[in-house]
Amino acid sequence: MSEEYTVDYFIKKFEAIPEENWISGRYLSTDGYCALGHCGERRWGFTPESLALVDLFFDYELAVASVNDGNSYMFPQPTPKQRVLAACRYIKALQDV
């Protein structure tokens, strides 16, 4: 994983994004972005930041879109932001063991 894009980087980044700027079910809308959209990903391609997030989640058998969209039983939080942050904190806890 990129040394620049650590789990701590993503926690700090996502904590700073207001709850109302998060969406699920697509990358972007007039209302905001999903986790990958906040990392610059669009339908036409990944960014180094979005790839790092995908790789980070994959290393822990998680899928960013599934967590963001509420399709992961492990993270039942009510909003995309809360679910993604819960997953990031879960990953951090596993890394700290």
N, C-alpha and C. Protein backbone atom coordinates (compact mmCIF):
# COMPACT_ATOMS: atom_id res chain seq x y z
N MET A 1 0.84 -1.18 0.00
CA MET A 1 0.00 0.00 0.00
C MET A 1 0.88 1.24 0.00
N SER A 2 0.38 2.27 -0.58
CA SER A 2 1.10 3.54 -0.65
C SER A 2 1.39 4.07 0.76
N GLU A 3 2.61 4.56 0.94
CA GLU A 3 2.94 5.14 2.24
C GLU A 3 2.21 6.45 2.46
N GLU A 4 1.82 7.10 1.38
CA GLU A 4 1.08 8.36 1.48
C GLU A 4 -0.36 8.12 1.91
N TYR A 5 -0.97 7.07 1.38
CA TYR A 5 -2.39 6.79 1.61
C TYR A 5 -2.56 5.67 2.63
N THR A 6 -2.38 6.00 3.88
CA THR A 6 -2.53 5.05 4.97
C THR A 6 -3.97 5.07 5.49
N VAL A 7 -4.29 4.13 6.35
CA VAL A 7 -5.61 4.15 6.96
C VAL A 7 -5.81 5.43 7.76
N ASP A 8 -4.76 5.91 8.42
CA ASP A 8 -4.88 7.17 9.16
C ASP A 8 -5.18 8.34 8.23
N TYR A 9 -4.58 8.33 7.05
CA TYR A 9 -4.85 9.37 6.05
C TYR A 9 -6.34 9.37 5.70
N PHE A 10 -6.89 8.17 5.43
CA PHE A 10 -8.30 8.10 5.03
C PHE A 10 -9.24 8.46 6.18
N ILE A 11 -8.91 8.07 7.39
CA ILE A 11 -9.74 8.45 8.54
C ILE A 11 -9.79 9.97 8.66
N LYS A 12 -8.65 10.60 8.60
CA LYS A 12 -8.60 12.06 8.71
C LYS A 12 -9.36 12.73 7.55
N LYS A 13 -9.16 12.23 6.35
CA LYS A 13 -9.83 12.78 5.17
C LYS A 13 -11.35 12.67 5.31
N PHE A 14 -11.83 11.47 5.62
CA PHE A 14 -13.27 11.24 5.65
C PHE A 14 -13.94 11.91 6.84
N GLU A 15 -13.25 12.01 7.97
CA GLU A 15 -13.83 12.72 9.12
C GLU A 15 -14.11 14.18 8.78
N ALA A 16 -13.30 14.77 7.93
CA ALA A 16 -13.43 16.19 7.59
C ALA A 16 -14.55 16.49 6.60
N ILE A 17 -15.08 15.48 5.95
CA ILE A 17 -16.12 15.69 4.93
C ILE A 17 -17.48 15.68 5.62
N PRO A 18 -18.26 16.75 5.46
CA PRO A 18 -19.57 16.81 6.12
C PRO A 18 -20.48 15.65 5.72
N GLU A 19 -21.25 15.22 6.68
CA GLU A 19 -22.19 14.10 6.49
C GLU A 19 -23.09 14.31 5.27
N GLU A 20 -23.55 15.53 5.07
CA GLU A 20 -24.49 15.79 3.96
C GLU A 20 -23.84 15.73 2.58
N ASN A 21 -22.52 15.61 2.52
CA ASN A 21 -21.83 15.51 1.23
C ASN A 21 -21.54 14.07 0.82
N TRP A 22 -22.14 13.12 1.51
CA TRP A 22 -21.96 11.70 1.20
C TRP A 22 -23.21 11.14 0.53
N ILE A 23 -23.00 10.27 -0.45
CA ILE A 23 -24.11 9.59 -1.11
C ILE A 23 -23.79 8.10 -1.21
N SER A 24 -24.77 7.32 -1.60
CA SER A 24 -24.55 5.91 -1.87
C SER A 24 -25.19 5.57 -3.21
N GLY A 25 -24.74 4.48 -3.79
CA GLY A 25 -25.32 3.99 -5.03
C GLY A 25 -24.70 4.52 -6.31
N ARG A 26 -23.86 5.54 -6.21
CA ARG A 26 -23.17 6.09 -7.39
C ARG A 26 -21.98 6.92 -6.91
N TYR A 27 -21.08 7.25 -7.85
CA TYR A 27 -19.87 7.99 -7.50
C TYR A 27 -20.16 9.43 -7.09
N LEU A 28 -21.03 10.07 -7.86
CA LEU A 28 -21.28 11.48 -7.59
C LEU A 28 -22.69 11.87 -8.00
N SER A 29 -23.15 12.94 -7.42
CA SER A 29 -24.43 13.55 -7.79
C SER A 29 -24.34 15.01 -7.39
N THR A 30 -25.40 15.72 -7.59
CA THR A 30 -25.41 17.12 -7.16
C THR A 30 -25.36 17.22 -5.63
N ASP A 31 -25.65 16.10 -4.95
CA ASP A 31 -25.65 16.08 -3.48
C ASP A 31 -24.29 15.76 -2.87
N GLY A 32 -23.39 15.15 -3.63
CA GLY A 32 -22.10 14.79 -3.06
C GLY A 32 -21.45 13.62 -3.77
N TYR A 33 -20.65 12.89 -3.01
CA TYR A 33 -19.87 11.78 -3.54
C TYR A 33 -19.93 10.58 -2.61
N CYS A 34 -19.63 9.41 -3.16
CA CYS A 34 -19.39 8.22 -2.33
C CYS A 34 -17.93 8.28 -1.88
N ALA A 35 -17.47 7.29 -1.12
CA ALA A 35 -16.08 7.28 -0.64
C ALA A 35 -15.10 7.34 -1.80
N LEU A 36 -15.32 6.53 -2.83
CA LEU A 36 -14.42 6.54 -3.98
C LEU A 36 -14.51 7.85 -4.74
N GLY A 37 -15.69 8.40 -4.85
CA GLY A 37 -15.86 9.70 -5.50
C GLY A 37 -15.11 10.80 -4.76
N HIS A 38 -15.11 10.73 -3.43
CA HIS A 38 -14.36 11.71 -2.64
C HIS A 38 -12.85 11.57 -2.90
N CYS A 39 -12.44 10.42 -3.40
CA CYS A 39 -11.03 10.17 -3.74
C CYS A 39 -10.75 10.44 -5.22
N GLY A 40 -11.70 11.03 -5.92
CA GLY A 40 -11.49 11.42 -7.31
C GLY A 40 -11.90 10.42 -8.36
N GLU A 41 -12.38 9.25 -7.95
CA GLU A 41 -12.77 8.24 -8.92
C GLU A 41 -14.05 8.65 -9.64
N ARG A 42 -14.06 8.38 -10.92
CA ARG A 42 -15.25 8.59 -11.74
C ARG A 42 -15.44 7.34 -12.60
N ARG A 43 -16.53 7.27 -13.32
CA ARG A 43 -16.79 6.09 -14.15
C ARG A 43 -15.67 5.80 -15.12
N TRP A 44 -14.95 6.81 -15.55
CA TRP A 44 -13.92 6.61 -16.56
C TRP A 44 -12.57 6.22 -15.97
N GLY A 45 -12.44 6.14 -14.66
CA GLY A 45 -11.19 5.64 -14.14
C GLY A 45 -10.88 5.94 -12.69
N PHE A 46 -9.92 5.20 -12.21
CA PHE A 46 -9.43 5.35 -10.84
C PHE A 46 -8.42 6.49 -10.76
N THR A 47 -8.14 6.90 -9.54
CA THR A 47 -7.04 7.81 -9.24
C THR A 47 -6.09 7.04 -8.32
N PRO A 48 -4.86 7.50 -8.15
CA PRO A 48 -3.97 6.82 -7.19
C PRO A 48 -4.59 6.73 -5.79
N GLU A 49 -5.31 7.78 -5.40
CA GLU A 49 -5.94 7.79 -4.08
C GLU A 49 -7.07 6.76 -4.00
N SER A 50 -7.92 6.70 -5.01
CA SER A 50 -9.03 5.74 -4.96
C SER A 50 -8.51 4.30 -5.05
N LEU A 51 -7.47 4.07 -5.84
CA LEU A 51 -6.87 2.73 -5.90
C LEU A 51 -6.29 2.33 -4.55
N ALA A 52 -5.67 3.27 -3.87
CA ALA A 52 -5.11 2.97 -2.55
C ALA A 52 -6.21 2.58 -1.58
N LEU A 53 -7.35 3.26 -1.64
CA LEU A 53 -8.48 2.91 -0.76
C LEU A 53 -9.02 1.53 -1.10
N VAL A 54 -9.19 1.25 -2.38
CA VAL A 54 -9.66 -0.07 -2.81
C VAL A 54 -8.70 -1.15 -2.32
N ASP A 55 -7.40 -0.93 -2.51
CA ASP A 55 -6.40 -1.91 -2.08
C ASP A 55 -6.41 -2.11 -0.57
N LEU A 56 -6.52 -1.01 0.17
CA LEU A 56 -6.57 -1.09 1.62
C LEU A 56 -7.74 -1.95 2.08
N PHE A 57 -8.93 -1.68 1.56
CA PHE A 57 -10.11 -2.46 1.93
C PHE A 57 -9.95 -3.91 1.49
N PHE A 58 -9.46 -4.13 0.29
CA PHE A 58 -9.29 -5.48 -0.25
C PHE A 58 -8.36 -6.31 0.64
N ASP A 59 -7.32 -5.68 1.17
CA ASP A 59 -6.38 -6.40 2.04
C ASP A 59 -7.08 -6.97 3.27
N TYR A 60 -8.23 -6.43 3.62
CA TYR A 60 -9.00 -6.89 4.78
C TYR A 60 -10.34 -7.51 4.36
N GLU A 61 -10.38 -7.95 3.11
CA GLU A 61 -11.55 -8.63 2.54
C GLU A 61 -12.81 -7.79 2.61
N LEU A 62 -12.65 -6.50 2.35
CA LEU A 62 -13.77 -5.56 2.31
C LEU A 62 -13.82 -4.92 0.93
N ALA A 63 -15.00 -4.48 0.55
CA ALA A 63 -15.18 -3.76 -0.71
C ALA A 63 -15.72 -2.36 -0.39
N VAL A 64 -15.03 -1.35 -0.89
CA VAL A 64 -15.39 0.03 -0.57
C VAL A 64 -16.84 0.31 -0.93
N ALA A 65 -17.25 -0.03 -2.14
CA ALA A 65 -18.61 0.28 -2.58
C ALA A 65 -19.65 -0.42 -1.72
N SER A 66 -19.40 -1.67 -1.35
CA SER A 66 -20.36 -2.40 -0.51
C SER A 66 -20.50 -1.76 0.85
N VAL A 67 -19.39 -1.35 1.44
CA VAL A 67 -19.44 -0.69 2.74
C VAL A 67 -20.16 0.65 2.61
N ASN A 68 -19.74 1.46 1.64
CA ASN A 68 -20.34 2.78 1.42
C ASN A 68 -21.85 2.68 1.23
N ASP A 69 -22.28 1.71 0.43
CA ASP A 69 -23.69 1.61 0.06
C ASP A 69 -24.54 0.85 1.06
N GLY A 70 -23.94 0.37 2.15
CA GLY A 70 -24.72 -0.31 3.18
C GLY A 70 -24.98 -1.77 2.89
N ASN A 71 -24.16 -2.38 2.05
CA ASN A 71 -24.35 -3.79 1.69
C ASN A 71 -23.40 -4.72 2.43
N SER A 72 -22.80 -4.26 3.49
CA SER A 72 -21.89 -5.07 4.30
C SER A 72 -22.50 -5.23 5.68
N TYR A 73 -22.80 -6.47 6.05
CA TYR A 73 -23.41 -6.72 7.36
C TYR A 73 -22.51 -6.28 8.52
N MET A 74 -21.21 -6.16 8.25
CA MET A 74 -20.27 -5.79 9.32
C MET A 74 -20.40 -4.33 9.73
N PHE A 75 -20.94 -3.51 8.85
CA PHE A 75 -21.00 -2.08 9.12
C PHE A 75 -22.42 -1.57 8.87
N PRO A 76 -23.29 -1.71 9.88
CA PRO A 76 -24.70 -1.33 9.72
C PRO A 76 -25.00 0.13 10.06
N GLN A 77 -23.99 0.96 10.17
CA GLN A 77 -24.21 2.35 10.54
C GLN A 77 -25.18 2.99 9.54
N PRO A 78 -25.90 4.04 9.97
CA PRO A 78 -26.98 4.60 9.16
C PRO A 78 -26.56 5.44 7.95
N THR A 79 -25.32 5.89 7.88
CA THR A 79 -24.92 6.75 6.75
C THR A 79 -23.65 6.23 6.09
N PRO A 80 -23.43 6.59 4.82
CA PRO A 80 -22.20 6.16 4.15
C PRO A 80 -20.94 6.61 4.88
N LYS A 81 -20.91 7.84 5.34
CA LYS A 81 -19.74 8.34 6.05
C LYS A 81 -19.47 7.49 7.28
N GLN A 82 -20.48 7.23 8.07
CA GLN A 82 -20.30 6.45 9.30
C GLN A 82 -19.84 5.03 8.99
N ARG A 83 -20.39 4.42 7.92
CA ARG A 83 -19.99 3.06 7.56
C ARG A 83 -18.53 3.01 7.11
N VAL A 84 -18.13 3.95 6.25
CA VAL A 84 -16.77 3.97 5.73
C VAL A 84 -15.77 4.24 6.86
N LEU A 85 -16.10 5.18 7.73
CA LEU A 85 -15.22 5.44 8.86
C LEU A 85 -15.14 4.23 9.81
N ALA A 86 -16.25 3.55 10.02
CA ALA A 86 -16.24 2.35 10.86
C ALA A 86 -15.32 1.29 10.25
N ALA A 87 -15.38 1.12 8.94
CA ALA A 87 -14.51 0.15 8.27
C ALA A 87 -13.05 0.57 8.40
N CYS A 88 -12.77 1.84 8.22
CA CYS A 88 -11.39 2.32 8.36
C CYS A 88 -10.88 2.09 9.78
N ARG A 89 -11.72 2.35 10.75
CA ARG A 89 -11.30 2.14 12.15
C ARG A 89 -11.13 0.66 12.47
N TYR A 90 -11.94 -0.18 11.86
CA TYR A 90 -11.80 -1.63 11.98
C TYR A 90 -10.44 -2.07 11.43
N ILE A 91 -10.10 -1.56 10.25
CA ILE A 91 -8.81 -1.88 9.63
C ILE A 91 -7.68 -1.40 10.53
N LYS A 92 -7.80 -0.19 11.03
CA LYS A 92 -6.76 0.36 11.92
C LYS A 92 -6.58 -0.52 13.14
N ALA A 93 -7.68 -0.97 13.73
CA ALA A 93 -7.60 -1.83 14.92
C ALA A 93 -6.87 -3.14 14.58
N LEU A 94 -7.14 -3.69 13.42
CA LEU A 94 -6.47 -4.92 13.01
C LEU A 94 -4.98 -4.68 12.76
N GLN A 95 -4.65 -3.52 12.22
CA GLN A 95 -3.25 -3.19 11.98
C GLN A 95 -2.48 -3.00 13.28
N ASP A 96 -3.17 -2.50 14.30
CA ASP A 96 -2.52 -2.20 15.57
C ASP A 96 -2.30 -3.43 16.45
N VAL A 97 -2.83 -4.58 16.02
CA VAL A 97 -2.69 -5.81 16.83
C VAL A 97 -1.28 -6.33 16.72
